[in-house]
Every structure is written in C-alpha cells, then in structure tokens.
Amino acid sequence: MSKTDPCNSVTLTGRLAAVTERDLPSGDTLVAFRLIVDRPPGRRGPSGRIRVDALECSAYLAALRRRLLCLPEGASVEVTGSLRRRFWRSANGPTSIIEVEAVSVRRVTEAAVPR
C-alpha cells in the first residue's frame, strides 16, 4: 500500500475503562468500552499535567467480546481497529457517534503505555 492509498486503520495504547455488554435492536451483541489515552508530551496542559482523551470503542467479534469482559478495568491494552460512524434514531432525532471498532485487543505492560 502506498502512502497515498486510503486507509482506515488505528492502533492505540491506553487504559481500559467502562466496559459494558449491550444487545442492539438489530439483534447483534457488542461490548462497548472506553480507552483512556494520554496526549503526547507537547500537548500537555499549562501546568504540565498529563491530559487524556477518552475514546469510545466497540467490539463485535465474539472472541474479542469475551476477552474484553475478562480484562480488569484500568488494564493497559493495545487496541487495533478502524474508525466507524454509527447512526441511530433517538428521542431527539437522528444521532451518530464516531468510535473505534476494535478487531484486536492485547494486554501490555504498564511501561509500554506512554506517559
């Protein structure tokens, strides 16, 4: 693949949070989770504090869902997948969210998570 070819692929390393299993109206089951990712050192707050982003993620593959449900919250993980935009109807009308659709999650040591 050349650098000009379109590619929707992400790899993120962070801490696992808010892991929940949900059944969708379509009948599909997913595990939704948040990945807490530190911002790079050059993008820290004025006081030098580490700033973080909380990224919404989802997993549809059965084996991956089982693995996520067994990991403790706060575990350091590497997530690979792609960005997806999901749409649904809410009481306020059409709604959407952009999230990481995970295809793999592996536990990493705390030292592997950048600070």
PDB file of N, CA and C in Angstrom:
ATOM      1  N   MET A   1       0.854  -1.169   0.000  1.00  0.00           N
ATOM      2  CA  MET A   1       0.000   0.000   0.000  1.00  0.00           C
ATOM      3  C   MET A   1       0.901   1.234   0.000  1.00  0.00           C
ATOM      4  N   SER A   2       0.646   2.164  -0.901  1.00  0.00           N
ATOM      5  CA  SER A   2       1.444   3.387  -0.945  1.00  0.00           C
ATOM      6  C   SER A   2       0.887   4.398   0.038  1.00  0.00           C
ATOM      7  N   LYS A   3       1.657   5.449   0.297  1.00  0.00           N
ATOM      8  CA  LYS A   3       1.235   6.463   1.263  1.00  0.00           C
ATOM      9  C   LYS A   3       0.018   7.249   0.792  1.00  0.00           C
ATOM     10  N   THR A   4      -0.326   7.170  -0.485  1.00  0.00           N
ATOM     11  CA  THR A   4      -1.478   7.916  -0.990  1.00  0.00           C
ATOM     12  C   THR A   4      -2.749   7.088  -1.028  1.00  0.00           C
ATOM     13  N   ASP A   5      -2.639   5.774  -0.778  1.00  0.00           N
ATOM     14  CA  ASP A   5      -3.829   4.921  -0.759  1.00  0.00           C
ATOM     15  C   ASP A   5      -4.651   5.206   0.488  1.00  0.00           C
ATOM     16  N   PRO A   6      -5.976   5.255   0.354  1.00  0.00           N
ATOM     17  CA  PRO A   6      -6.817   5.460   1.539  1.00  0.00           C
ATOM     18  C   PRO A   6      -6.675   4.291   2.510  1.00  0.00           C
ATOM     19  N   CYS A   7      -6.651   4.594   3.782  1.00  0.00           N
ATOM     20  CA  CYS A   7      -6.509   3.558   4.794  1.00  0.00           C
ATOM     21  C   CYS A   7      -7.219   4.004   6.067  1.00  0.00           C
ATOM     22  N   ASN A   8      -8.049   3.162   6.602  1.00  0.00           N
ATOM     23  CA  ASN A   8      -8.745   3.446   7.851  1.00  0.00           C
ATOM     24  C   ASN A   8      -8.281   2.419   8.864  1.00  0.00           C
ATOM     25  N   SER A   9      -7.168   2.706   9.509  1.00  0.00           N
ATOM     26  CA  SER A   9      -6.583   1.786  10.463  1.00  0.00           C
ATOM     27  C   SER A   9      -6.008   2.579  11.627  1.00  0.00           C
ATOM     28  N   VAL A  10      -6.322   2.142  12.859  1.00  0.00           N
ATOM     29  CA  VAL A  10      -5.786   2.815  14.038  1.00  0.00           C
ATOM     30  C   VAL A  10      -5.199   1.777  14.988  1.00  0.00           C
ATOM     31  N   THR A  11      -4.151   2.193  15.683  1.00  0.00           N
ATOM     32  CA  THR A  11      -3.567   1.416  16.768  1.00  0.00           C
ATOM     33  C   THR A  11      -3.376   2.378  17.924  1.00  0.00           C
ATOM     34  N   LEU A  12      -3.987   2.058  19.057  1.00  0.00           N
ATOM     35  CA  LEU A  12      -3.954   2.925  20.226  1.00  0.00           C
ATOM     36  C   LEU A  12      -3.530   2.121  21.443  1.00  0.00           C
ATOM     37  N   THR A  13      -2.800   2.763  22.341  1.00  0.00           N
ATOM     38  CA  THR A  13      -2.413   2.136  23.589  1.00  0.00           C
ATOM     39  C   THR A  13      -2.911   3.009  24.725  1.00  0.00           C
ATOM     40  N   GLY A  14      -3.616   2.406  25.665  1.00  0.00           N
ATOM     41  CA  GLY A  14      -4.148   3.173  26.782  1.00  0.00           C
ATOM     42  C   GLY A  14      -4.684   2.262  27.867  1.00  0.00           C
ATOM     43  N   ARG A  15      -5.533   2.830  28.701  1.00  0.00           N
ATOM     44  CA  ARG A  15      -6.106   2.103  29.830  1.00  0.00           C
ATOM     45  C   ARG A  15      -7.589   1.832  29.588  1.00  0.00           C
ATOM     46  N   LEU A  16      -8.006   0.637  29.915  1.00  0.00           N
ATOM     47  CA  LEU A  16      -9.370   0.174  29.682  1.00  0.00           C
ATOM     48  C   LEU A  16     -10.310   0.734  30.748  1.00  0.00           C
ATOM     49  N   ALA A  17     -11.472   1.237  30.309  1.00  0.00           N
ATOM     50  CA  ALA A  17     -12.460   1.772  31.261  1.00  0.00           C
ATOM     51  C   ALA A  17     -13.870   1.526  30.736  1.00  0.00           C
ATOM     52  N   ALA A  18     -14.831   1.514  31.640  1.00  0.00           N
ATOM     53  CA  ALA A  18     -16.266   1.465  31.317  1.00  0.00           C
ATOM     54  C   ALA A  18     -16.629   0.368  30.316  1.00  0.00           C
ATOM     55  N   VAL A  19     -16.302  -0.863  30.651  1.00  0.00           N
ATOM     56  CA  VAL A  19     -16.586  -1.998  29.774  1.00  0.00           C
ATOM     57  C   VAL A  19     -18.014  -2.479  30.026  1.00  0.00           C
ATOM     58  N   THR A  20     -18.847  -2.487  28.970  1.00  0.00           N
ATOM     59  CA  THR A  20     -20.228  -2.950  29.105  1.00  0.00           C
ATOM     60  C   THR A  20     -20.625  -3.767  27.887  1.00  0.00           C
ATOM     61  N   GLU A  21     -21.470  -4.770  28.127  1.00  0.00           N
ATOM     62  CA  GLU A  21     -22.002  -5.578  27.026  1.00  0.00           C
ATOM     63  C   GLU A  21     -23.412  -5.094  26.730  1.00  0.00           C
ATOM     64  N   ARG A  22     -23.730  -4.947  25.435  1.00  0.00           N
ATOM     65  CA  ARG A  22     -25.064  -4.453  25.046  1.00  0.00           C
ATOM     66  C   ARG A  22     -25.613  -5.277  23.902  1.00  0.00           C
ATOM     67  N   ASP A  23     -26.937  -5.448  23.931  1.00  0.00           N
ATOM     68  CA  ASP A  23     -27.643  -6.058  22.803  1.00  0.00           C
ATOM     69  C   ASP A  23     -28.265  -4.922  22.006  1.00  0.00           C
ATOM     70  N   LEU A  24     -28.016  -4.900  20.706  1.00  0.00           N
ATOM     71  CA  LEU A  24     -28.549  -3.862  19.835  1.00  0.00           C
ATOM     72  C   LEU A  24     -29.922  -4.262  19.311  1.00  0.00           C
ATOM     73  N   PRO A  25     -30.738  -3.288  18.906  1.00  0.00           N
ATOM     74  CA  PRO A  25     -32.058  -3.603  18.338  1.00  0.00           C
ATOM     75  C   PRO A  25     -31.966  -4.548  17.135  1.00  0.00           C
ATOM     76  N   SER A  26     -30.829  -4.533  16.434  1.00  0.00           N
ATOM     77  CA  SER A  26     -30.648  -5.398  15.269  1.00  0.00           C
ATOM     78  C   SER A  26     -30.477  -6.868  15.666  1.00  0.00           C
ATOM     79  N   GLY A  27     -30.252  -7.109  16.971  1.00  0.00           N
ATOM     80  CA  GLY A  27     -30.001  -8.470  17.424  1.00  0.00           C
ATOM     81  C   GLY A  27     -28.519  -8.744  17.646  1.00  0.00           C
ATOM     82  N   ASP A  28     -27.658  -7.870  17.155  1.00  0.00           N
ATOM     83  CA  ASP A  28     -26.217  -8.017  17.368  1.00  0.00           C
ATOM     84  C   ASP A  28     -25.869  -7.709  18.820  1.00  0.00           C
ATOM     85  N   THR A  29     -24.791  -8.301  19.286  1.00  0.00           N
ATOM     86  CA  THR A  29     -24.272  -8.007  20.620  1.00  0.00           C
ATOM     87  C   THR A  29     -22.923  -7.335  20.450  1.00  0.00           C
ATOM     88  N   LEU A  30     -22.656  -6.349  21.280  1.00  0.00           N
ATOM     89  CA  LEU A  30     -21.351  -5.696  21.238  1.00  0.00           C
ATOM     90  C   LEU A  30     -20.877  -5.442  22.653  1.00  0.00           C
ATOM     91  N   VAL A  31     -19.583  -5.273  22.784  1.00  0.00           N
ATOM     92  CA  VAL A  31     -19.000  -4.811  24.032  1.00  0.00           C
ATOM     93  C   VAL A  31     -18.491  -3.411  23.746  1.00  0.00           C
ATOM     94  N   ALA A  32     -19.019  -2.460  24.498  1.00  0.00           N
ATOM     95  CA  ALA A  32     -18.585  -1.073  24.375  1.00  0.00           C
ATOM     96  C   ALA A  32     -17.595  -0.799  25.504  1.00  0.00           C
ATOM     97  N   PHE A  33     -16.544  -0.051  25.196  1.00  0.00           N
ATOM     98  CA  PHE A  33     -15.582   0.295  26.228  1.00  0.00           C
ATOM     99  C   PHE A  33     -14.940   1.632  25.887  1.00  0.00           C
ATOM    100  N   ARG A  34     -14.346   2.211  26.887  1.00  0.00           N
ATOM    101  CA  ARG A  34     -13.642   3.465  26.710  1.00  0.00           C
ATOM    102  C   ARG A  34     -12.157   3.183  26.855  1.00  0.00           C
ATOM    103  N   LEU A  35     -11.358   3.809  26.011  1.00  0.00           N
ATOM    104  CA  LEU A  35      -9.911   3.699  26.101  1.00  0.00           C
ATOM    105  C   LEU A  35      -9.378   5.067  26.511  1.00  0.00           C
ATOM    106  N   ILE A  36      -8.693   5.124  27.645  1.00  0.00           N
ATOM    107  CA  ILE A  36      -8.126   6.370  28.148  1.00  0.00           C
ATOM    108  C   ILE A  36      -6.702   6.463  27.612  1.00  0.00           C
ATOM    109  N   VAL A  37      -6.476   7.466  26.766  1.00  0.00           N
ATOM    110  CA  VAL A  37      -5.195   7.615  26.073  1.00  0.00           C
ATOM    111  C   VAL A  37      -4.562   8.942  26.481  1.00  0.00           C
ATOM    112  N   ASP A  38      -3.309   8.883  26.938  1.00  0.00           N
ATOM    113  CA  ASP A  38      -2.588  10.113  27.278  1.00  0.00           C
ATOM    114  C   ASP A  38      -2.248  10.876  26.008  1.00  0.00           C
ATOM    115  N   ARG A  39      -2.315  12.202  26.089  1.00  0.00           N
ATOM    116  CA  ARG A  39      -1.883  13.025  24.966  1.00  0.00           C
ATOM    117  C   ARG A  39      -0.360  13.083  24.944  1.00  0.00           C
ATOM    118  N   PRO A  40       0.232  13.366  23.782  1.00  0.00           N
ATOM    119  CA  PRO A  40       1.695  13.457  23.695  1.00  0.00           C
ATOM    120  C   PRO A  40       2.225  14.556  24.620  1.00  0.00           C
ATOM    121  N   PRO A  41       3.476  14.444  25.073  1.00  0.00           N
ATOM    122  CA  PRO A  41       4.044  15.427  25.998  1.00  0.00           C
ATOM    123  C   PRO A  41       3.922  16.879  25.532  1.00  0.00           C
ATOM    124  N   GLY A  42       4.029  17.155  24.256  1.00  0.00           N
ATOM    125  CA  GLY A  42       3.927  18.521  23.748  1.00  0.00           C
ATOM    126  C   GLY A  42       2.529  19.091  23.836  1.00  0.00           C
ATOM    127  N   ARG A  43       1.554  18.271  24.158  1.00  0.00           N
ATOM    128  CA  ARG A  43       0.161  18.715  24.209  1.00  0.00           C
ATOM    129  C   ARG A  43      -0.399  18.617  25.624  1.00  0.00           C
ATOM    130  N   ARG A  44       0.447  18.843  26.591  1.00  0.00           N
ATOM    131  CA  ARG A  44       0.002  18.816  27.979  1.00  0.00           C
ATOM    132  C   ARG A  44      -0.550  20.171  28.367  1.00  0.00           C
ATOM    133  N   GLY A  45      -1.239  20.208  29.477  1.00  0.00           N
ATOM    134  CA  GLY A  45      -1.844  21.445  29.953  1.00  0.00           C
ATOM    135  C   GLY A  45      -0.802  22.453  30.404  1.00  0.00           C
ATOM    136  N   PRO A  46      -1.223  23.700  30.660  1.00  0.00           N
ATOM    137  CA  PRO A  46      -0.310  24.767  31.058  1.00  0.00           C
ATOM    138  C   PRO A  46       0.498  24.430  32.311  1.00  0.00           C
ATOM    139  N   SER A  47      -0.070  23.649  33.204  1.00  0.00           N
ATOM    140  CA  SER A  47       0.641  23.298  34.432  1.00  0.00           C
ATOM    141  C   SER A  47       1.558  22.093  34.234  1.00  0.00           C
ATOM    142  N   GLY A  48       1.616  21.568  33.004  1.00  0.00           N
ATOM    143  CA  GLY A  48       2.431  20.385  32.729  1.00  0.00           C
ATOM    144  C   GLY A  48       1.721  19.083  33.038  1.00  0.00           C
ATOM    145  N   ARG A  49       0.462  19.187  33.492  1.00  0.00           N
ATOM    146  CA  ARG A  49      -0.304  17.977  33.798  1.00  0.00           C
ATOM    147  C   ARG A  49      -0.539  17.169  32.528  1.00  0.00           C
ATOM    148  N   ILE A  50      -0.568  15.871  32.708  1.00  0.00           N
ATOM    149  CA  ILE A  50      -0.862  14.989  31.583  1.00  0.00           C
ATOM    150  C   ILE A  50      -2.346  15.115  31.267  1.00  0.00           C
ATOM    151  N   ARG A  51      -2.658  15.387  30.016  1.00  0.00           N
ATOM    152  CA  ARG A  51      -4.047  15.421  29.575  1.00  0.00           C
ATOM    153  C   ARG A  51      -4.355  14.102  28.889  1.00  0.00           C
ATOM    154  N   VAL A  52      -5.621  13.705  28.966  1.00  0.00           N
ATOM    155  CA  VAL A  52      -6.024  12.433  28.370  1.00  0.00           C
ATOM    156  C   VAL A  52      -7.225  12.642  27.463  1.00  0.00           C
ATOM    157  N   ASP A  53      -7.416  11.701  26.568  1.00  0.00           N
ATOM    158  CA  ASP A  53      -8.622  11.624  25.760  1.00  0.00           C
ATOM    159  C   ASP A  53      -9.293  10.302  26.106  1.00  0.00           C
ATOM    160  N   ALA A  54     -10.618  10.321  26.223  1.00  0.00           N
ATOM    161  CA  ALA A  54     -11.401   9.114  26.458  1.00  0.00           C
ATOM    162  C   ALA A  54     -12.088   8.772  25.143  1.00  0.00           C
ATOM    163  N   LEU A  55     -11.639   7.703  24.505  1.00  0.00           N
ATOM    164  CA  LEU A  55     -12.129   7.329  23.182  1.00  0.00           C
ATOM    165  C   LEU A  55     -13.120   6.175  23.287  1.00  0.00           C
ATOM    166  N   GLU A  56     -14.267   6.332  22.645  1.00  0.00           N
ATOM    167  CA  GLU A  56     -15.293   5.287  22.634  1.00  0.00           C
ATOM    168  C   GLU A  56     -14.872   4.192  21.649  1.00  0.00           C
ATOM    169  N   CYS A  57     -15.004   2.954  22.096  1.00  0.00           N
ATOM    170  CA  CYS A  57     -14.627   1.802  21.264  1.00  0.00           C
ATOM    171  C   CYS A  57     -15.724   0.746  21.357  1.00  0.00           C
ATOM    172  N   SER A  58     -15.750  -0.142  20.369  1.00  0.00           N
ATOM    173  CA  SER A  58     -16.704  -1.246  20.391  1.00  0.00           C
ATOM    174  C   SER A  58     -16.055  -2.483  19.796  1.00  0.00           C
ATOM    175  N   ALA A  59     -16.553  -3.636  20.215  1.00  0.00           N
ATOM    176  CA  ALA A  59     -16.074  -4.917  19.707  1.00  0.00           C
ATOM    177  C   ALA A  59     -17.283  -5.786  19.390  1.00  0.00           C
ATOM    178  N   TYR A  60     -17.324  -6.302  18.173  1.00  0.00           N
ATOM    179  CA  TYR A  60     -18.432  -7.149  17.741  1.00  0.00           C
ATOM    180  C   TYR A  60     -18.047  -8.627  17.682  1.00  0.00           C
ATOM    181  N   LEU A  61     -16.779  -8.930  17.455  1.00  0.00           N
ATOM    182  CA  LEU A  61     -16.337 -10.317  17.326  1.00  0.00           C
ATOM    183  C   LEU A  61     -16.483 -11.047  18.660  1.00  0.00           C
ATOM    184  N   ALA A  62     -17.095 -12.237  18.644  1.00  0.00           N
ATOM    185  CA  ALA A  62     -17.419 -12.962  19.877  1.00  0.00           C
ATOM    186  C   ALA A  62     -16.194 -13.217  20.742  1.00  0.00           C
ATOM    187  N   ALA A  63     -15.093 -13.686  20.166  1.00  0.00           N
ATOM    188  CA  ALA A  63     -13.897 -13.986  20.954  1.00  0.00           C
ATOM    189  C   ALA A  63     -13.331 -12.716  21.582  1.00  0.00           C
ATOM    190  N   LEU A  64     -13.380 -11.634  20.861  1.00  0.00           N
ATOM    191  CA  LEU A  64     -12.878 -10.361  21.376  1.00  0.00           C
ATOM    192  C   LEU A  64     -13.781  -9.836  22.494  1.00  0.00           C
ATOM    193  N   ARG A  65     -15.087 -10.007  22.333  1.00  0.00           N
ATOM    194  CA  ARG A  65     -16.022  -9.584  23.385  1.00  0.00           C
ATOM    195  C   ARG A  65     -15.739 -10.342  24.683  1.00  0.00           C
ATOM    196  N   ARG A  66     -15.533 -11.654  24.577  1.00  0.00           N
ATOM    197  CA  ARG A  66     -15.248 -12.470  25.768  1.00  0.00           C
ATOM    198  C   ARG A  66     -13.943 -12.019  26.428  1.00  0.00           C
ATOM    199  N   ARG A  67     -12.937 -11.747  25.613  1.00  0.00           N
ATOM    200  CA  ARG A  67     -11.631 -11.322  26.142  1.00  0.00           C
ATOM    201  C   ARG A  67     -11.762 -10.002  26.896  1.00  0.00           C
ATOM    202  N   LEU A  68     -12.471  -9.038  26.307  1.00  0.00           N
ATOM    203  CA  LEU A  68     -12.638  -7.735  26.945  1.00  0.00           C
ATOM    204  C   LEU A  68     -13.367  -7.844  28.280  1.00  0.00           C
ATOM    205  N   LEU A  69     -14.376  -8.709  28.344  1.00  0.00           N
ATOM    206  CA  LEU A  69     -15.153  -8.866  29.572  1.00  0.00           C
ATOM    207  C   LEU A  69     -14.337  -9.512  30.689  1.00  0.00           C
ATOM    208  N   CYS A  70     -13.231 -10.174  30.346  1.00  0.00           N
ATOM    209  CA  CYS A  70     -12.367 -10.805  31.348  1.00  0.00           C
ATOM    210  C   CYS A  70     -11.253  -9.880  31.834  1.00  0.00           C
ATOM    211  N   LEU A  71     -10.984  -8.807  31.102  1.00  0.00           N
ATOM    212  CA  LEU A  71      -9.916  -7.884  31.492  1.00  0.00           C
ATOM    213  C   LEU A  71     -10.400  -6.935  32.581  1.00  0.00           C
ATOM    214  N   PRO A  72      -9.547  -6.632  33.549  1.00  0.00           N
ATOM    215  CA  PRO A  72      -9.960  -5.701  34.601  1.00  0.00           C
ATOM    216  C   PRO A  72      -9.928  -4.256  34.097  1.00  0.00           C
ATOM    217  N   GLU A  73     -10.834  -3.439  34.598  1.00  0.00           N
ATOM    218  CA  GLU A  73     -10.787  -2.023  34.241  1.00  0.00           C
ATOM    219  C   GLU A  73      -9.474  -1.449  34.749  1.00  0.00           C
ATOM    220  N   GLY A  74      -8.890  -0.577  33.952  1.00  0.00           N
ATOM    221  CA  GLY A  74      -7.594   0.006  34.296  1.00  0.00           C
ATOM    222  C   GLY A  74      -6.437  -0.741  33.658  1.00  0.00           C
ATOM    223  N   ALA A  75      -6.716  -1.923  33.061  1.00  0.00           N
ATOM    224  CA  ALA A  75      -5.649  -2.683  32.415  1.00  0.00           C
ATOM    225  C   ALA A  75      -5.086  -1.894  31.242  1.00  0.00           C
ATOM    226  N   SER A  76      -3.777  -1.981  31.054  1.00  0.00           N
ATOM    227  CA  SER A  76      -3.125  -1.341  29.908  1.00  0.00           C
ATOM    228  C   SER A  76      -3.268  -2.264  28.709  1.00  0.00           C
ATOM    229  N   VAL A  77      -3.802  -1.727  27.617  1.00  0.00           N
ATOM    230  CA  VAL A  77      -4.058  -2.536  26.431  1.00  0.00           C
ATOM    231  C   VAL A  77      -3.655  -1.793  25.162  1.00  0.00           C
ATOM    232  N   GLU A  78      -3.404  -2.575  24.126  1.00  0.00           N
ATOM    233  CA  GLU A  78      -3.211  -2.035  22.780  1.00  0.00           C
ATOM    234  C   GLU A  78      -4.414  -2.470  21.954  1.00  0.00           C
ATOM    235  N   VAL A  79      -5.075  -1.512  21.332  1.00  0.00           N
ATOM    236  CA  VAL A  79      -6.274  -1.773  20.536  1.00  0.00           C
ATOM    237  C   VAL A  79      -5.959  -1.462  19.080  1.00  0.00           C
ATOM    238  N   THR A  80      -6.288  -2.390  18.186  1.00  0.00           N
ATOM    239  CA  THR A  80      -6.189  -2.111  16.761  1.00  0.00           C
ATOM    240  C   THR A  80      -7.575  -2.246  16.155  1.00  0.00           C
ATOM    241  N   GLY A  81      -7.835  -1.434  15.161  1.00  0.00           N
ATOM    242  CA  GLY A  81      -9.136  -1.461  14.510  1.00  0.00           C
ATOM    243  C   GLY A  81      -9.254  -0.342  13.506  1.00  0.00           C
ATOM    244  N   SER A  82     -10.467   0.176  13.348  1.00  0.00           N
ATOM    245  CA  SER A  82     -10.708   1.256  12.397  1.00  0.00           C
ATOM    246  C   SER A  82     -11.777   2.182  12.959  1.00  0.00           C
ATOM    247  N   LEU A  83     -11.837   3.385  12.409  1.00  0.00           N
ATOM    248  CA  LEU A  83     -12.855   4.340  12.833  1.00  0.00           C
ATOM    249  C   LEU A  83     -14.161   4.038  12.117  1.00  0.00           C
ATOM    250  N   ARG A  84     -15.251   4.096  12.851  1.00  0.00           N
ATOM    251  CA  ARG A  84     -16.582   3.862  12.285  1.00  0.00           C
ATOM    252  C   ARG A  84     -17.517   4.946  12.791  1.00  0.00           C
ATOM    253  N   ARG A  85     -18.478   5.302  11.960  1.00  0.00           N
ATOM    254  CA  ARG A  85     -19.529   6.222  12.378  1.00  0.00           C
ATOM    255  C   ARG A  85     -20.830   5.444  12.379  1.00  0.00           C
ATOM    256  N   ARG A  86     -21.450   5.338  13.557  1.00  0.00           N
ATOM    257  CA  ARG A  86     -22.715   4.620  13.689  1.00  0.00           C
ATOM    258  C   ARG A  86     -23.847   5.624  13.816  1.00  0.00           C
ATOM    259  N   PHE A  87     -24.970   5.290  13.209  1.00  0.00           N
ATOM    260  CA  PHE A  87     -26.164   6.142  13.230  1.00  0.00           C
ATOM    261  C   PHE A  87     -27.307   5.391  13.887  1.00  0.00           C
ATOM    262  N   TRP A  88     -28.180   6.099  14.588  1.00  0.00           N
ATOM    263  CA  TRP A  88     -29.402   5.531  15.136  1.00  0.00           C
ATOM    264  C   TRP A  88     -30.391   6.655  15.403  1.00  0.00           C
ATOM    265  N   ARG A  89     -31.625   6.251  15.619  1.00  0.00           N
ATOM    266  CA  ARG A  89     -32.671   7.238  15.928  1.00  0.00           C
ATOM    267  C   ARG A  89     -32.839   7.308  17.443  1.00  0.00           C
ATOM    268  N   SER A  90     -32.876   8.525  17.944  1.00  0.00           N
ATOM    269  CA  SER A  90     -33.112   8.731  19.373  1.00  0.00           C
ATOM    270  C   SER A  90     -34.371   9.579  19.530  1.00  0.00           C
ATOM    271  N   ALA A  91     -34.749   9.871  20.758  1.00  0.00           N
ATOM    272  CA  ALA A  91     -35.923  10.706  21.016  1.00  0.00           C
ATOM    273  C   ALA A  91     -35.758  12.098  20.410  1.00  0.00           C
ATOM    274  N   ASN A  92     -34.513  12.521  20.232  1.00  0.00           N
ATOM    275  CA  ASN A  92     -34.225  13.848  19.666  1.00  0.00           C
ATOM    276  C   ASN A  92     -33.974  13.812  18.161  1.00  0.00           C
ATOM    277  N   GLY A  93     -34.183  12.671  17.521  1.00  0.00           N
ATOM    278  CA  GLY A  93     -33.958  12.550  16.083  1.00  0.00           C
ATOM    279  C   GLY A  93     -32.707  11.740  15.782  1.00  0.00           C
ATOM    280  N   PRO A  94     -32.253  11.778  14.519  1.00  0.00           N
ATOM    281  CA  PRO A  94     -31.066  11.006  14.130  1.00  0.00           C
ATOM    282  C   PRO A  94     -29.839  11.433  14.935  1.00  0.00           C
ATOM    283  N   THR A  95     -29.078  10.444  15.362  1.00  0.00           N
ATOM    284  CA  THR A  95     -27.882  10.665  16.164  1.00  0.00           C
ATOM    285  C   THR A  95     -26.762   9.809  15.604  1.00  0.00           C
ATOM    286  N   SER A  96     -25.522  10.231  15.827  1.00  0.00           N
ATOM    287  CA  SER A  96     -24.389   9.420  15.384  1.00  0.00           C
ATOM    288  C   SER A  96     -23.234   9.565  16.365  1.00  0.00           C
ATOM    289  N   ILE A  97     -22.314   8.634  16.276  1.00  0.00           N
ATOM    290  CA  ILE A  97     -21.097   8.667  17.076  1.00  0.00           C
ATOM    291  C   ILE A  97     -19.964   8.105  16.226  1.00  0.00           C
ATOM    292  N   ILE A  98     -18.782   8.651  16.394  1.00  0.00           N
ATOM    293  CA  ILE A  98     -17.591   8.081  15.771  1.00  0.00           C
ATOM    294  C   ILE A  98     -16.859   7.320  16.857  1.00  0.00           C
ATOM    295  N   GLU A  99     -16.538   6.057  16.576  1.00  0.00           N
ATOM    296  CA  GLU A  99     -15.871   5.219  17.559  1.00  0.00           C
ATOM    297  C   GLU A  99     -14.839   4.334  16.883  1.00  0.00           C
ATOM    298  N   VAL A 100     -14.003   3.724  17.683  1.00  0.00           N
ATOM    299  CA  VAL A 100     -13.032   2.755  17.183  1.00  0.00           C
ATOM    300  C   VAL A 100     -13.691   1.386  17.221  1.00  0.00           C
ATOM    301  N   GLU A 101     -13.794   0.740  16.070  1.00  0.00           N
ATOM    302  CA  GLU A 101     -14.294  -0.637  16.030  1.00  0.00           C
ATOM    303  C   GLU A 101     -13.087  -1.552  16.137  1.00  0.00           C
ATOM    304  N   ALA A 102     -12.916  -2.161  17.297  1.00  0.00           N
ATOM    305  CA  ALA A 102     -11.738  -2.967  17.583  1.00  0.00           C
ATOM    306  C   ALA A 102     -11.802  -4.318  16.878  1.00  0.00           C
ATOM    307  N   VAL A 103     -10.657  -4.743  16.349  1.00  0.00           N
ATOM    308  CA  VAL A 103     -10.539  -6.093  15.790  1.00  0.00           C
ATOM    309  C   VAL A 103      -9.550  -6.924  16.603  1.00  0.00           C
ATOM    310  N   SER A 104      -8.735  -6.246  17.425  1.00  0.00           N
ATOM    311  CA  SER A 104      -7.861  -6.964  18.355  1.00  0.00           C
ATOM    312  C   SER A 104      -7.563  -6.084  19.558  1.00  0.00           C
ATOM    313  N   VAL A 105      -7.408  -6.754  20.683  1.00  0.00           N
ATOM    314  CA  VAL A 105      -7.026  -6.089  21.930  1.00  0.00           C
ATOM    315  C   VAL A 105      -6.027  -7.011  22.607  1.00  0.00           C
ATOM    316  N   ARG A 106      -4.894  -6.449  22.982  1.00  0.00           N
ATOM    317  CA  ARG A 106      -3.925  -7.258  23.718  1.00  0.00           C
ATOM    318  C   ARG A 106      -3.444  -6.477  24.925  1.00  0.00           C
ATOM    319  N   ARG A 107      -3.256  -7.189  26.004  1.00  0.00           N
ATOM    320  CA  ARG A 107      -2.780  -6.558  27.238  1.00  0.00           C
ATOM    321  C   ARG A 107      -1.292  -6.267  27.083  1.00  0.00           C
ATOM    322  N   VAL A 108      -0.883  -5.111  27.549  1.00  0.00           N
ATOM    323  CA  VAL A 108       0.532  -4.723  27.502  1.00  0.00           C
ATOM    324  C   VAL A 108       0.972  -4.343  28.909  1.00  0.00           C
ATOM    325  N   THR A 109       2.265  -4.300  29.121  1.00  0.00           N
ATOM    326  CA  THR A 109       2.762  -3.897  30.431  1.00  0.00           C
ATOM    327  C   THR A 109       2.572  -2.395  30.599  1.00  0.00           C
ATOM    328  N   GLU A 110       2.498  -1.963  31.835  1.00  0.00           N
ATOM    329  CA  GLU A 110       2.310  -0.539  32.136  1.00  0.00           C
ATOM    330  C   GLU A 110       3.411   0.304  31.503  1.00  0.00           C
ATOM    331  N   ALA A 111       4.632  -0.243  31.436  1.00  0.00           N
ATOM    332  CA  ALA A 111       5.760   0.501  30.865  1.00  0.00           C
ATOM    333  C   ALA A 111       5.565   0.770  29.376  1.00  0.00           C
ATOM    334  N   ALA A 112       4.734  -0.041  28.704  1.00  0.00           N
ATOM    335  CA  ALA A 112       4.513   0.140  27.270  1.00  0.00           C
ATOM    336  C   ALA A 112       3.528   1.255  26.960  1.00  0.00           C
ATOM    337  N   VAL A 113       2.812   1.728  27.988  1.00  0.00           N
ATOM    338  CA  VAL A 113       1.838   2.792  27.788  1.00  0.00           C
ATOM    339  C   VAL A 113       2.556   4.125  27.976  1.00  0.00           C
ATOM    340  N   PRO A 114       2.648   4.951  26.906  1.00  0.00           N
ATOM    341  CA  PRO A 114       3.363   6.221  27.031  1.00  0.00           C
ATOM    342  C   PRO A 114       2.729   7.127  28.062  1.00  0.00           C
ATOM    343  N   ARG A 115       3.529   7.879  28.769  1.00  0.00           N
ATOM    344  CA  ARG A 115       3.046   8.869  29.751  1.00  0.00           C
ATOM    345  C   ARG A 115       3.569  10.224  29.426  1.00  0.00           C
TER     346      ARG A 115
END
